C-alpha atoms as a PDB file:
ATOM      1  CA  MET A   1     115.451 129.970 110.734  1.00  0.00           C
ATOM      2  CA  GLU A   2     114.630 133.108 112.502  1.00  0.00           C
ATOM      3  CA  LEU A   3     110.751 132.465 111.196  1.00  0.00           C
ATOM      4  CA  ILE A   4     110.310 130.084 113.999  1.00  0.00           C
ATOM      5  CA  SER A   5     112.039 131.708 116.722  1.00  0.00           C
ATOM      6  CA  GLY A   6     109.555 134.657 116.241  1.00  0.00           C
ATOM      7  CA  ILE A   7     106.563 132.522 116.829  1.00  0.00           C
ATOM      8  CA  PRO A   8     105.926 133.383 120.266  1.00  0.00           C
ATOM      9  CA  GLU A   9     105.633 137.065 120.093  1.00  0.00           C
ATOM     10  CA  LYS A  10     104.288 137.053 116.811  1.00  0.00           C
ATOM     11  CA  TYR A  11     101.379 134.649 118.522  1.00  0.00           C
ATOM     12  CA  ALA A  12     100.990 137.052 121.350  1.00  0.00           C
ATOM     13  CA  LYS A  13     100.268 140.086 119.124  1.00  0.00           C
ATOM     14  CA  ALA A  14      97.964 138.178 116.939  1.00  0.00           C
ATOM     15  CA  THR A  15      95.823 136.831 119.769  1.00  0.00           C
ATOM     16  CA  GLU A  16      95.964 140.267 121.343  1.00  0.00           C
ATOM     17  CA  SER A  17      95.108 142.134 118.604  1.00  0.00           C
ATOM     18  CA  GLY A  18      91.994 139.554 118.302  1.00  0.00           C
ATOM     19  CA  ASP A  19      92.721 138.597 114.748  1.00  0.00           C
ATOM     20  CA  LEU A  20      93.670 135.378 116.092  1.00  0.00           C
ATOM     21  CA  LEU A  21      91.317 133.180 117.914  1.00  0.00           C
ATOM     22  CA  PHE A  22      92.383 130.900 120.632  1.00  0.00           C
ATOM     23  CA  PHE A  23      89.658 128.240 121.841  1.00  0.00           C
ATOM     24  CA  PRO A  24      90.802 126.477 125.107  1.00  0.00           C
ATOM     25  CA  SER A  25      90.198 122.790 125.729  1.00  0.00           C
ATOM     26  CA  THR A  26      90.920 119.813 127.870  1.00  0.00           C
ATOM     27  CA  THR A  27      92.565 116.592 126.874  1.00  0.00           C
ATOM     28  CA  THR A  28      91.725 112.820 128.153  1.00  0.00           C
ATOM     29  CA  LEU A  29      94.123 110.345 127.561  1.00  0.00           C
ATOM     30  CA  HIS A  30      92.624 106.782 126.064  1.00  0.00           C
ATOM     31  CA  GLN A  31      94.856 103.671 125.504  1.00  0.00           C
ATOM     32  CA  GLU A  32      94.004 101.332 122.642  1.00  0.00           C
ATOM     33  CA  ASN A  33      96.228  99.539 120.388  1.00  0.00           C
ATOM     34  CA  GLY A  34      99.117 100.195 121.766  1.00  0.00           C
ATOM     35  CA  VAL A  35      98.535 104.147 121.743  1.00  0.00           C
ATOM     36  CA  GLU A  36      97.986 106.379 123.912  1.00  0.00           C
ATOM     37  CA  PHE A  37      95.365 108.320 122.213  1.00  0.00           C
ATOM     38  CA  GLU A  38      94.704 112.318 122.975  1.00  0.00           C
ATOM     39  CA  ILE A  39      90.925 112.953 122.936  1.00  0.00           C
ATOM     40  CA  ARG A  40      90.633 116.705 123.222  1.00  0.00           C
ATOM     41  CA  LEU A  41      87.566 118.297 124.021  1.00  0.00           C
ATOM     42  CA  CYS A  42      86.735 121.672 122.583  1.00  0.00           C
ATOM     43  CA  PRO A  43      83.237 123.050 124.074  1.00  0.00           C
ATOM     44  CA  ALA A  44      84.044 126.367 121.104  1.00  0.00           C
ATOM     45  CA  LEU A  45      83.188 124.026 118.405  1.00  0.00           C
ATOM     46  CA  GLU A  46      79.575 123.249 119.214  1.00  0.00           C
ATOM     47  CA  LYS A  47      79.070 127.123 117.892  1.00  0.00           C
ATOM     48  CA  LYS A  48      80.873 126.327 114.611  1.00  0.00           C
ATOM     49  CA  PRO A  49      78.692 126.261 112.004  1.00  0.00           C
ATOM     50  CA  ASN A  50      78.595 123.248 109.564  1.00  0.00           C
ATOM     51  CA  LEU A  51      80.059 124.485 106.386  1.00  0.00           C
ATOM     52  CA  PRO A  52      79.604 122.682 102.503  1.00  0.00           C
ATOM     53  CA  PRO A  53      82.451 121.009 101.594  1.00  0.00           C
ATOM     54  CA  PRO A  54      85.276 123.022 100.081  1.00  0.00           C
ATOM     55  CA  HIS A  55      85.479 122.488  95.811  1.00  0.00           C
ATOM     56  CA  PHE A  56      89.026 121.362  95.256  1.00  0.00           C
ATOM     57  CA  ASP A  57      89.071 122.772  91.466  1.00  0.00           C
ATOM     58  CA  SER A  58      90.997 126.123  90.284  1.00  0.00           C
ATOM     59  CA  TYR A  59      90.738 129.138  92.437  1.00  0.00           C
ATOM     60  CA  GLU A  60      88.426 130.712  90.145  1.00  0.00           C
ATOM     61  CA  ASP A  61      86.092 127.661  90.117  1.00  0.00           C
ATOM     62  CA  CYS A  62      85.934 128.306  94.092  1.00  0.00           C
ATOM     63  CA  GLU A  63      85.044 131.654  93.116  1.00  0.00           C
ATOM     64  CA  LYS A  64      82.272 130.986  91.163  1.00  0.00           C
ATOM     65  CA  ALA A  65      80.654 127.979  93.128  1.00  0.00           C
ATOM     66  CA  GLU A  66      77.613 129.267  95.108  1.00  0.00           C
ATOM     67  CA  GLY A  67      77.615 129.087  98.940  1.00  0.00           C
ATOM     68  CA  THR A  68      81.644 129.320  99.044  1.00  0.00           C
ATOM     69  CA  LYS A  69      83.698 131.872 100.896  1.00  0.00           C
ATOM     70  CA  PRO A  70      86.436 133.887  99.435  1.00  0.00           C
ATOM     71  CA  ASP A  71      89.900 131.844  99.459  1.00  0.00           C
ATOM     72  CA  PRO A  72      91.259 132.995 103.211  1.00  0.00           C
ATOM     73  CA  PHE A  73      94.834 131.863 102.130  1.00  0.00           C
ATOM     74  CA  ALA A  74      94.783 134.440  99.364  1.00  0.00           C
ATOM     75  CA  PRO A  75      97.007 137.743  99.472  1.00  0.00           C
ATOM     76  CA  PRO A  76      96.625 140.175 101.028  1.00  0.00           C
ATOM     77  CA  HIS A  77      97.622 138.476 104.228  1.00  0.00           C
ATOM     78  CA  ASN A  78      96.478 139.686 107.741  1.00  0.00           C
ATOM     79  CA  ALA A  79      99.991 141.422 109.012  1.00  0.00           C
ATOM     80  CA  ASN A  80      99.447 139.759 112.283  1.00  0.00           C
ATOM     81  CA  LEU A  81      98.763 136.035 111.228  1.00  0.00           C
ATOM     82  CA  LEU A  82     101.601 136.638 108.696  1.00  0.00           C
ATOM     83  CA  ILE A  83     104.916 134.728 110.130  1.00  0.00           C
ATOM     84  CA  GLY A  84     107.029 135.119 106.984  1.00  0.00           C
ATOM     85  CA  GLU A  85     107.576 133.911 103.449  1.00  0.00           C
ATOM     86  CA  LEU A  86     109.774 130.835 102.283  1.00  0.00           C
ATOM     87  CA  LYS A  87     111.180 130.484  98.568  1.00  0.00           C
ATOM     88  CA  ASP A  88     112.227 126.938  97.536  1.00  0.00           C
ATOM     89  CA  GLU A  89     114.953 128.154  95.083  1.00  0.00           C
ATOM     90  CA  ASP A  90     115.070 124.613  93.356  1.00  0.00           C
ATOM     91  CA  GLU A  91     111.603 124.374  92.506  1.00  0.00           C
ATOM     92  CA  SER A  92     110.958 128.063  92.138  1.00  0.00           C
ATOM     93  CA  GLU A  93     108.046 127.881  94.378  1.00  0.00           C
ATOM     94  CA  ASP A  94     106.746 130.469  96.706  1.00  0.00           C
ATOM     95  CA  TYR A  95     105.338 129.721 100.253  1.00  0.00           C
ATOM     96  CA  VAL A  96     103.650 131.858 103.208  1.00  0.00           C
ATOM     97  CA  VAL A  97     103.343 130.737 106.645  1.00  0.00           C
ATOM     98  CA  LEU A  98     100.870 132.219 108.661  1.00  0.00           C
ATOM     99  CA  PHE A  99      99.254 131.108 111.896  1.00  0.00           C
ATOM    100  CA  ASN A 100      95.761 129.063 111.906  1.00  0.00           C
ATOM    101  CA  LYS A 101      93.265 131.295 112.607  1.00  0.00           C
ATOM    102  CA  TYR A 102      90.785 129.608 114.935  1.00  0.00           C
ATOM    103  CA  SER A 103      94.143 127.835 117.469  1.00  0.00           C
ATOM    104  CA  VAL A 104      92.758 124.800 119.428  1.00  0.00           C
ATOM    105  CA  VAL A 105      96.869 124.608 119.917  1.00  0.00           C
ATOM    106  CA  PRO A 106      99.236 127.466 120.871  1.00  0.00           C
ATOM    107  CA  HIS A 107     101.590 127.984 117.670  1.00  0.00           C
ATOM    108  CA  HIS A 108      99.460 126.106 115.293  1.00  0.00           C
ATOM    109  CA  ILE A 109     100.834 127.001 112.097  1.00  0.00           C
ATOM    110  CA  LEU A 110     100.332 126.806 108.239  1.00  0.00           C
ATOM    111  CA  LEU A 111     102.570 126.514 105.107  1.00  0.00           C
ATOM    112  CA  VAL A 112     100.668 127.815 102.156  1.00  0.00           C
ATOM    113  CA  THR A 113     101.730 127.901  98.602  1.00  0.00           C
ATOM    114  CA  LYS A 114     101.423 131.396  97.434  1.00  0.00           C
ATOM    115  CA  GLU A 115      99.754 130.578  94.515  1.00  0.00           C
ATOM    116  CA  PHE A 116      96.945 128.395  94.249  1.00  0.00           C
ATOM    117  CA  HIS A 117      97.133 125.057  94.492  1.00  0.00           C
ATOM    118  CA  SER A 118      94.255 122.407  95.102  1.00  0.00           C
ATOM    119  CA  GLN A 119      94.601 120.339  98.303  1.00  0.00           C
ATOM    120  CA  THR A 120      93.771 117.461  96.287  1.00  0.00           C
ATOM    121  CA  ALA A 121      97.053 117.448  94.518  1.00  0.00           C
ATOM    122  CA  PRO A 122      99.974 115.091  96.220  1.00  0.00           C
ATOM    123  CA  LEU A 123     103.205 117.135  97.817  1.00  0.00           C
ATOM    124  CA  LEU A 124     105.510 118.290  95.763  1.00  0.00           C
ATOM    125  CA  PRO A 125     109.560 117.708  96.481  1.00  0.00           C
ATOM    126  CA  SER A 126     109.791 121.757  97.456  1.00  0.00           C
ATOM    127  CA  ASP A 127     106.764 121.088  99.745  1.00  0.00           C
ATOM    128  CA  LEU A 128     108.593 118.037 101.596  1.00  0.00           C
ATOM    129  CA  VAL A 129     111.498 119.958 101.562  1.00  0.00           C
ATOM    130  CA  GLN A 130     110.271 123.329 103.094  1.00  0.00           C
ATOM    131  CA  THR A 131     108.035 121.399 105.865  1.00  0.00           C
ATOM    132  CA  TYR A 132     111.013 119.399 106.726  1.00  0.00           C
ATOM    133  CA  LYS A 133     113.227 122.519 106.866  1.00  0.00           C
ATOM    134  CA  LEU A 134     110.491 123.955 109.199  1.00  0.00           C
ATOM    135  CA  LEU A 135     110.805 121.029 111.563  1.00  0.00           C
ATOM    136  CA  LEU A 136     114.588 121.238 111.636  1.00  0.00           C
ATOM    137  CA  ALA A 137     114.522 124.714 112.567  1.00  0.00           C
ATOM    138  CA  ALA A 138     111.967 124.305 115.194  1.00  0.00           C
ATOM    139  CA  ARG A 139     114.623 121.415 117.041  1.00  0.00           C
ATOM    140  CA  ASP A 140     117.435 123.758 116.195  1.00  0.00           C
ATOM    141  CA  ALA A 141     115.360 126.350 118.513  1.00  0.00           C
ATOM    142  CA  GLY A 142     114.798 124.098 121.558  1.00  0.00           C
ATOM    143  CA  ARG A 143     111.067 123.146 120.283  1.00  0.00           C
ATOM    144  CA  LYS A 144     109.615 120.020 118.428  1.00  0.00           C
ATOM    145  CA  PHE A 145     106.386 120.143 115.908  1.00  0.00           C
ATOM    146  CA  PHE A 146     105.603 118.237 113.537  1.00  0.00           C
ATOM    147  CA  ALA A 147     103.336 118.250 110.318  1.00  0.00           C
ATOM    148  CA  PHE A 148     100.092 116.998 108.600  1.00  0.00           C
ATOM    149  CA  TYR A 149      98.497 116.961 104.985  1.00  0.00           C
ATOM    150  CA  ASN A 150      94.968 116.462 104.365  1.00  0.00           C
ATOM    151  CA  CYS A 151      94.609 115.044 100.833  1.00  0.00           C
ATOM    152  CA  GLY A 152      91.414 115.117  98.691  1.00  0.00           C
ATOM    153  CA  THR A 153      87.626 115.325  99.046  1.00  0.00           C
ATOM    154  CA  LEU A 154      87.616 112.047 102.011  1.00  0.00           C
ATOM    155  CA  SER A 155      90.721 113.457 104.049  1.00  0.00           C
ATOM    156  CA  GLY A 156      89.007 116.146 106.320  1.00  0.00           C
ATOM    157  CA  ALA A 157      90.486 118.590 104.671  1.00  0.00           C
ATOM    158  CA  SER A 158      88.634 121.812 105.047  1.00  0.00           C
ATOM    159  CA  GLN A 159      90.364 124.625 102.937  1.00  0.00           C
ATOM    160  CA  PRO A 160      90.843 123.991  98.942  1.00  0.00           C
ATOM    161  CA  HIS A 161      94.078 125.754  98.818  1.00  0.00           C
ATOM    162  CA  LYS A 162      97.177 123.591  99.581  1.00  0.00           C
ATOM    163  CA  HIS A 163      98.424 123.571 102.632  1.00  0.00           C
ATOM    164  CA  LEU A 164     100.412 121.549 105.252  1.00  0.00           C
ATOM    165  CA  GLN A 165      99.865 122.363 108.954  1.00  0.00           C
ATOM    166  CA  LEU A 166     102.194 122.208 111.633  1.00  0.00           C
ATOM    167  CA  LEU A 167     101.769 121.773 115.411  1.00  0.00           C
ATOM    168  CA  PRO A 168     104.353 121.809 118.609  1.00  0.00           C
ATOM    169  CA  ILE A 169     104.242 118.647 120.505  1.00  0.00           C
ATOM    170  CA  ASP A 170     106.020 116.949 123.358  1.00  0.00           C
ATOM    171  CA  PRO A 171     109.327 115.990 122.995  1.00  0.00           C
ATOM    172  CA  ASP A 172     108.384 112.252 122.435  1.00  0.00           C
ATOM    173  CA  GLY A 173     106.172 113.093 119.266  1.00  0.00           C
ATOM    174  CA  PRO A 174     102.333 112.640 118.802  1.00  0.00           C
ATOM    175  CA  PRO A 175     100.886 109.499 120.058  1.00  0.00           C
ATOM    176  CA  VAL A 176     101.214 107.250 117.010  1.00  0.00           C
ATOM    177  CA  GLU A 177     104.767 108.261 116.506  1.00  0.00           C
ATOM    178  CA  ARG A 178     105.808 106.580 119.438  1.00  0.00           C
ATOM    179  CA  LEU A 179     104.377 103.308 118.361  1.00  0.00           C
ATOM    180  CA  ALA A 180     106.495 104.107 115.036  1.00  0.00           C
ATOM    181  CA  ARG A 181     109.612 104.397 116.706  1.00  0.00           C
ATOM    182  CA  LYS A 182     109.270 101.092 118.365  1.00  0.00           C
ATOM    183  CA  ALA A 183     109.010  99.351 115.476  1.00  0.00           C
ATOM    184  CA  LYS A 184     111.708  97.037 115.187  1.00  0.00           C
ATOM    185  CA  LEU A 185     113.237  96.884 111.467  1.00  0.00           C
ATOM    186  CA  GLU A 186     115.464  94.550 109.986  1.00  0.00           C
ATOM    187  CA  VAL A 187     118.326  93.526 111.787  1.00  0.00           C
ATOM    188  CA  PRO A 188     122.181  95.253 110.384  1.00  0.00           C
ATOM    189  CA  GLY A 189     123.876  92.807 108.175  1.00  0.00           C
ATOM    190  CA  THR A 190     120.404  91.011 106.530  1.00  0.00           C
ATOM    191  CA  LEU A 191     119.278  91.143 103.218  1.00  0.00           C
ATOM    192  CA  VAL A 192     116.280  93.226 102.581  1.00  0.00           C
ATOM    193  CA  THR A 193     114.220  94.210  99.875  1.00  0.00           C
ATOM    194  CA  LEU A 194     113.983  98.068  99.314  1.00  0.00           C
ATOM    195  CA  HIS A 195     110.470  99.723  97.805  1.00  0.00           C
ATOM    196  CA  CYS A 196     111.820 102.318  95.353  1.00  0.00           C
ATOM    197  CA  SER A 197     109.393 104.008  93.268  1.00  0.00           C
ATOM    198  CA  THR A 198     106.398 103.208  90.988  1.00  0.00           C
ATOM    199  CA  PHE A 199     106.726  99.366  92.860  1.00  0.00           C
ATOM    200  CA  SER A 200     110.602  98.555  91.632  1.00  0.00           C
ATOM    201  CA  PHE A 201     112.478  96.693  94.176  1.00  0.00           C
ATOM    202  CA  ILE A 202     116.370  95.897  94.779  1.00  0.00           C
ATOM    203  CA  THR A 203     117.544  93.532  97.131  1.00  0.00           C
ATOM    204  CA  LEU A 204     120.507  94.903  99.487  1.00  0.00           C
ATOM    205  CA  ARG A 205     122.475  93.839 102.649  1.00  0.00           C
ATOM    206  CA  LEU A 206     122.621  96.264 105.421  1.00  0.00           C
ATOM    207  CA  ASN A 207     125.404  97.534 107.128  1.00  0.00           C
ATOM    208  CA  LYS A 208     125.219  98.432 110.906  1.00  0.00           C
ATOM    209  CA  ASP A 209     124.644 101.861 109.892  1.00  0.00           C
ATOM    210  CA  SER A 210     122.295 101.989 107.835  1.00  0.00           C
ATOM    211  CA  THR A 211     118.815 103.160 108.122  1.00  0.00           C
ATOM    212  CA  PRO A 212     116.144 100.424 106.451  1.00  0.00           C
ATOM    213  CA  GLU A 213     114.220 102.570 103.592  1.00  0.00           C
ATOM    214  CA  ARG A 214     111.619  99.636 103.273  1.00  0.00           C
ATOM    215  CA  PRO A 215     108.118 101.087 103.981  1.00  0.00           C
ATOM    216  CA  PHE A 216     106.685  99.034 106.970  1.00  0.00           C
ATOM    217  CA  ALA A 217     103.002  98.821 108.869  1.00  0.00           C
ATOM    218  CA  LEU A 218     102.101  99.179 112.250  1.00  0.00           C
ATOM    219  CA  SER A 219     100.291  95.893 112.589  1.00  0.00           C
ATOM    220  CA  THR A 220      98.239  96.538 115.669  1.00  0.00           C
ATOM    221  CA  LEU A 221      96.524  99.496 114.426  1.00  0.00           C
ATOM    222  CA  PRO A 222      93.385  97.916 112.922  1.00  0.00           C
ATOM    223  CA  TYR A 223      93.687 100.424 109.513  1.00  0.00           C
ATOM    224  CA  ALA A 224      95.903 100.195 106.656  1.00  0.00           C
ATOM    225  CA  ASN A 225      98.818 102.821 107.108  1.00  0.00           C
ATOM    226  CA  HIS A 226     102.319 102.824 105.641  1.00  0.00           C
ATOM    227  CA  ILE A 227     105.476 104.167 107.240  1.00  0.00           C
ATOM    228  CA  ARG A 228     109.085 105.138 105.991  1.00  0.00           C
ATOM    229  CA  ARG A 229     111.891 105.897 108.481  1.00  0.00           C
ATOM    230  CA  LEU A 230     114.238 108.640 107.873  1.00  0.00           C
ATOM    231  CA  PRO A 231     117.796 108.710 108.181  1.00  0.00           C
ATOM    232  CA  SER A 232     118.655 110.223 111.672  1.00  0.00           C
ATOM    233  CA  SER A 233     121.771 111.968 109.949  1.00  0.00           C
ATOM    234  CA  LEU A 234     119.177 114.801 108.500  1.00  0.00           C
ATOM    235  CA  SER A 235     120.048 118.269 109.786  1.00  0.00           C
ATOM    236  CA  SER A 236     119.642 121.754 108.643  1.00  0.00           C
ATOM    237  CA  SER A 237     123.144 121.356 107.126  1.00  0.00           C
ATOM    238  CA  THR A 238     121.791 118.868 104.689  1.00  0.00           C
ATOM    239  CA  PRO A 239     121.637 120.172 101.289  1.00  0.00           C
ATOM    240  CA  SER A 240     118.523 120.910 100.085  1.00  0.00           C
ATOM    241  CA  THR A 241     118.778 118.694  96.697  1.00  0.00           C
ATOM    242  CA  GLU A 242     119.928 115.635  99.383  1.00  0.00           C
ATOM    243  CA  LEU A 243     116.698 116.390 101.558  1.00  0.00           C
ATOM    244  CA  SER A 244     114.475 116.522  98.337  1.00  0.00           C
ATOM    245  CA  HIS A 245     115.702 113.107  97.456  1.00  0.00           C
ATOM    246  CA  ILE A 246     115.387 111.849 100.310  1.00  0.00           C
ATOM    247  CA  LEU A 247     111.698 112.683 100.954  1.00  0.00           C
ATOM    248  CA  SER A 248     110.555 112.740  97.788  1.00  0.00           C
ATOM    249  CA  ALA A 249     111.501 108.880  97.444  1.00  0.00           C
ATOM    250  CA  ALA A 250     110.076 108.319 100.703  1.00  0.00           C
ATOM    251  CA  PHE A 251     106.472 110.087 100.090  1.00  0.00           C
ATOM    252  CA  MET A 252     106.324 108.193  96.505  1.00  0.00           C
ATOM    253  CA  SER A 253     106.886 104.867  97.971  1.00  0.00           C
ATOM    254  CA  LEU A 254     104.026 105.356 100.672  1.00  0.00           C
ATOM    255  CA  LEU A 255     101.966 106.882  98.215  1.00  0.00           C
ATOM    256  CA  ASP A 256     102.385 103.811  96.001  1.00  0.00           C
ATOM    257  CA  LEU A 257     101.448 101.651  98.888  1.00  0.00           C
ATOM    258  CA  ALA A 258      98.329 103.770  99.714  1.00  0.00           C
ATOM    259  CA  ILE A 259      97.139 103.639  95.879  1.00  0.00           C
ATOM    260  CA  SER A 260      97.787 100.003  95.970  1.00  0.00           C
ATOM    261  CA  THR A 261      95.249  99.844  99.191  1.00  0.00           C
ATOM    262  CA  ILE A 262      92.589 101.804  97.590  1.00  0.00           C
ATOM    263  CA  ARG A 263      92.677  99.276  94.353  1.00  0.00           C
ATOM    264  CA  HIS A 264      92.115  96.585  96.738  1.00  0.00           C
ATOM    265  CA  ASP A 265      89.030  97.845  97.580  1.00  0.00           C
ATOM    266  CA  PRO A 266      86.523  97.032  95.495  1.00  0.00           C
ATOM    267  CA  ASN A 267      83.653  99.439  96.970  1.00  0.00           C
ATOM    268  CA  TYR A 268      86.140 102.634  97.368  1.00  0.00           C
ATOM    269  CA  PRO A 269      84.285 105.987  96.570  1.00  0.00           C
ATOM    270  CA  ILE A 270      84.685 107.177  92.942  1.00  0.00           C
ATOM    271  CA  GLY A 271      87.243 110.172  92.425  1.00  0.00           C
ATOM    272  CA  PRO A 272      90.801 110.866  92.796  1.00  0.00           C
ATOM    273  CA  PRO A 273      92.327 109.025  96.291  1.00  0.00           C
ATOM    274  CA  SER A 274      92.319 110.546  99.635  1.00  0.00           C
ATOM    275  CA  TYR A 275      95.048 110.654 102.280  1.00  0.00           C
ATOM    276  CA  ASN A 276      96.344 111.762 105.148  1.00  0.00           C
ATOM    277  CA  VAL A 277     100.182 112.711 105.544  1.00  0.00           C
ATOM    278  CA  ILE A 278     102.086 113.105 108.868  1.00  0.00           C
ATOM    279  CA  LEU A 279     105.908 113.931 108.788  1.00  0.00           C
ATOM    280  CA  THR A 280     108.213 113.890 111.929  1.00  0.00           C
ATOM    281  CA  LEU A 281     111.909 114.471 111.570  1.00  0.00           C
ATOM    282  CA  GLU A 282     112.110 110.282 112.474  1.00  0.00           C
ATOM    283  CA  HIS A 283     109.342 109.236 110.210  1.00  0.00           C
ATOM    284  CA  MET A 284     106.732 109.761 107.129  1.00  0.00           C
ATOM    285  CA  HIS A 285     103.155 107.978 107.157  1.00  0.00           C
ATOM    286  CA  VAL A 286     100.844 107.722 104.608  1.00  0.00           C
ATOM    287  CA  ILE A 287      97.160 106.774 105.364  1.00  0.00           C
ATOM    288  CA  PRO A 288      94.497 106.165 102.458  1.00  0.00           C
ATOM    289  CA  ARG A 289      91.415 107.429 103.200  1.00  0.00           C
ATOM    290  CA  ARG A 290      87.633 106.178 102.046  1.00  0.00           C
ATOM    291  CA  GLY A 291      85.396 108.428 104.240  1.00  0.00           C
ATOM    292  CA  GLU A 292      85.470 111.988 105.786  1.00  0.00           C
ATOM    293  CA  THR A 293      83.601 111.551 108.629  1.00  0.00           C
ATOM    294  CA  TYR A 294      82.291 109.031 110.867  1.00  0.00           C
ATOM    295  CA  THR A 295      78.743 108.390 112.302  1.00  0.00           C
ATOM    296  CA  LEU A 296      78.909 107.828 116.107  1.00  0.00           C
ATOM    297  CA  HIS A 297      76.077 105.123 116.876  1.00  0.00           C
ATOM    298  CA  GLU A 298      75.311 106.585 120.314  1.00  0.00           C
ATOM    299  CA  THR A 299      74.671 109.759 119.330  1.00  0.00           C
ATOM    300  CA  GLY A 300      73.831 109.833 115.525  1.00  0.00           C
ATOM    301  CA  GLU A 301      76.266 112.839 115.367  1.00  0.00           C
ATOM    302  CA  GLU A 302      79.327 112.814 112.531  1.00  0.00           C
ATOM    303  CA  LEU A 303      82.525 112.847 113.615  1.00  0.00           C
ATOM    304  CA  SER A 304      84.802 114.549 111.417  1.00  0.00           C
ATOM    305  CA  VAL A 305      88.190 112.829 111.199  1.00  0.00           C
ATOM    306  CA  ASN A 306      91.621 114.597 109.433  1.00  0.00           C
ATOM    307  CA  ALA A 307      95.532 113.493 110.053  1.00  0.00           C
ATOM    308  CA  LEU A 308      95.232 114.632 113.674  1.00  0.00           C
ATOM    309  CA  GLY A 309      93.218 111.545 114.442  1.00  0.00           C
ATOM    310  CA  PHE A 310      95.614 109.101 112.656  1.00  0.00           C
ATOM    311  CA  ALA A 311      98.642 110.876 114.668  1.00  0.00           C
ATOM    312  CA  GLY A 312      96.520 110.108 117.870  1.00  0.00           C
ATOM    313  CA  THR A 313      94.593 113.039 118.586  1.00  0.00           C
ATOM    314  CA  LEU A 314      90.623 113.606 118.145  1.00  0.00           C
ATOM    315  CA  LEU A 315      89.108 116.498 118.854  1.00  0.00           C
ATOM    316  CA  VAL A 316      85.651 116.515 120.530  1.00  0.00           C
ATOM    317  CA  LYS A 317      83.031 119.520 121.111  1.00  0.00           C
ATOM    318  CA  SER A 318      81.009 117.978 123.951  1.00  0.00           C
ATOM    319  CA  GLU A 319      81.690 115.657 127.362  1.00  0.00           C
ATOM    320  CA  ARG A 320      78.693 113.463 125.695  1.00  0.00           C
ATOM    321  CA  GLU A 321      80.570 113.351 121.898  1.00  0.00           C
ATOM    322  CA  LEU A 322      83.803 112.241 124.233  1.00  0.00           C
ATOM    323  CA  GLU A 323      81.802 109.018 126.111  1.00  0.00           C
ATOM    324  CA  ALA A 324      80.459 108.042 122.974  1.00  0.00           C
ATOM    325  CA  VAL A 325      83.914 108.148 121.335  1.00  0.00           C
ATOM    326  CA  ARG A 326      85.629 106.050 124.245  1.00  0.00           C
ATOM    327  CA  LYS A 327      82.420 103.364 124.109  1.00  0.00           C
ATOM    328  CA  GLU A 328      83.052 103.557 120.350  1.00  0.00           C
ATOM    329  CA  SER A 329      86.347 102.765 120.407  1.00  0.00           C
ATOM    330  CA  ILE A 330      88.819 104.658 118.680  1.00  0.00           C
ATOM    331  CA  GLY A 331      90.411 102.034 116.420  1.00  0.00           C
ATOM    332  CA  SER A 332      86.568 101.690 115.229  1.00  0.00           C
ATOM    333  CA  ILE A 333      86.493 105.122 114.456  1.00  0.00           C
ATOM    334  CA  LEU A 334      89.588 105.265 112.656  1.00  0.00           C
ATOM    335  CA  ARG A 335      89.105 101.774 110.658  1.00  0.00           C
ATOM    336  CA  GLY A 336      85.679 103.277 109.681  1.00  0.00           C
ATOM    337  CA  VAL A 337      87.007 106.342 107.992  1.00  0.00           C
ATOM    338  CA  GLY A 338      90.249 104.337 106.512  1.00  0.00           C
ATOM    339  CA  LEU A 339      90.929 101.398 104.700  1.00  0.00           C
ATOM    340  CA  GLU A 340      91.153  97.435 105.859  1.00  0.00           C
ATOM    341  CA  SER A 341      94.862  96.685 106.022  1.00  0.00           C
ATOM    342  CA  VAL A 342      96.524  94.468 102.650  1.00  0.00           C
ATOM    343  CA  HIS A 343     100.221  94.907 103.869  1.00  0.00           C
ATOM    344  CA  ASP A 344     100.555  91.131 104.178  1.00  0.00           C
ATOM    345  CA  LEU A 345      99.045  90.869 100.947  1.00  0.00           C
ATOM    346  CA  GLN A 346     101.619  93.664  99.212  1.00  0.00           C
ATOM    347  CA  VAL A 347     104.696  92.066 100.786  1.00  0.00           C
ATOM    348  CA  ASN A 348     103.827  88.696  99.233  1.00  0.00           C
ATOM    349  CA  GLU A 349     103.391  90.689  95.911  1.00  0.00           C
ATOM    350  CA  ASP A 350     106.432  92.494  96.455  1.00  0.00           C
ATOM    351  CA  VAL A 351     108.262  89.233  96.891  1.00  0.00           C
ATOM    352  CA  ARG A 352     106.943  87.804  94.025  1.00  0.00           C
ATOM    353  CA  GLU A 353     107.731  90.737  91.865  1.00  0.00           C
ATOM    354  CA  ALA A 354     111.322  90.822  93.493  1.00  0.00           C
ATOM    355  CA  GLY A 355     111.733  87.059  92.668  1.00  0.00           C
ATOM    356  CA  ASP A 356     111.026  87.930  88.761  1.00  0.00           C
ATOM    357  CA  HIS A 357     113.175  90.725  88.506  1.00  0.00           C
ATOM    358  CA  ALA A 358     115.706  88.062  89.909  1.00  0.00           C
ATOM    359  CA  ASP A 359     114.733  85.544  87.105  1.00  0.00           C
ATOM    360  CA  GLU A 360     115.062  88.263  84.494  1.00  0.00           C
ATOM    361  CA  ALA A 361     118.465  89.278  85.376  1.00  0.00           C
ATOM    362  CA  LYS A 362     119.732  85.450  85.529  1.00  0.00           C
ATOM    363  CA  THR A 363     118.511  85.080  82.093  1.00  0.00           C
ATOM    364  CA  SER A 364     119.919  88.386  80.452  1.00  0.00           C
END
């Protein structure tokens, strides 16, 4: 995909023109819960004004809302920020790929729906396919990116117009992906229960070439997380229809679990569910959210957390805030804006339901 290979040249042009603003940062590593978290310090963020929460309704409602700014993703697009356009032929959905105008990491790009769709909407098959194709194109070009989506008012989303974000990463992936990669799933040749859609289950025997399709959780993390391992055979030559089927099934199974987790929380805020999605070539992660910000005990300041935090990178604006985050513990911060894991309870529910289906099959 030429779109990916042209990023370095277009990025240089956008920064030289002043249309793209790059803010330098430094990274501190912090080990917790089996993850080597990255705390990225960007002093320029101290000058960033505190904006009111975005309105996540229709574009027309956003325009009418007092105190809101125009949709930055609406056309016409700045020529230096526009990387290219994509069309999903199966779903007839159009997208634009833009540079993030305010970049802390070089080559930070956005996949944006051409028409306005709300950031509270779940990912559609076309969203997943086009994002994954960008990840594959990056790999084919000798680079590695990962993608993330902040869905809902409590997810850390800063814009109401539906968009996914893609960031370049080290070869071994974002910090939490290193932990997911180490997870030992079912041994080939054993019976497993696969989570399909809307809490339906089937049981089958894996062979040595199978990829376990059952969602799993990283129990060492102190917050609810749901992950699906993707087939290693996926490539740029994989038909779009096959990609759509695999990615949509994975997303729906994880979203079912995230919503189930939310329903187990009697004090969850009123309103549509919020969650973060992290997508790599190897895994899809969905993390349910119950808060957008965490108040640091030492400073009393609110720390905004989006999907990047759950990928393993927190953004801070001062040394004081960095020290407060380390003392507070990143696990406590992520648990504070996430939910308690009920994975064991969900597994038990799954087993009971699978048993009920088996009993029904025997008597039918």
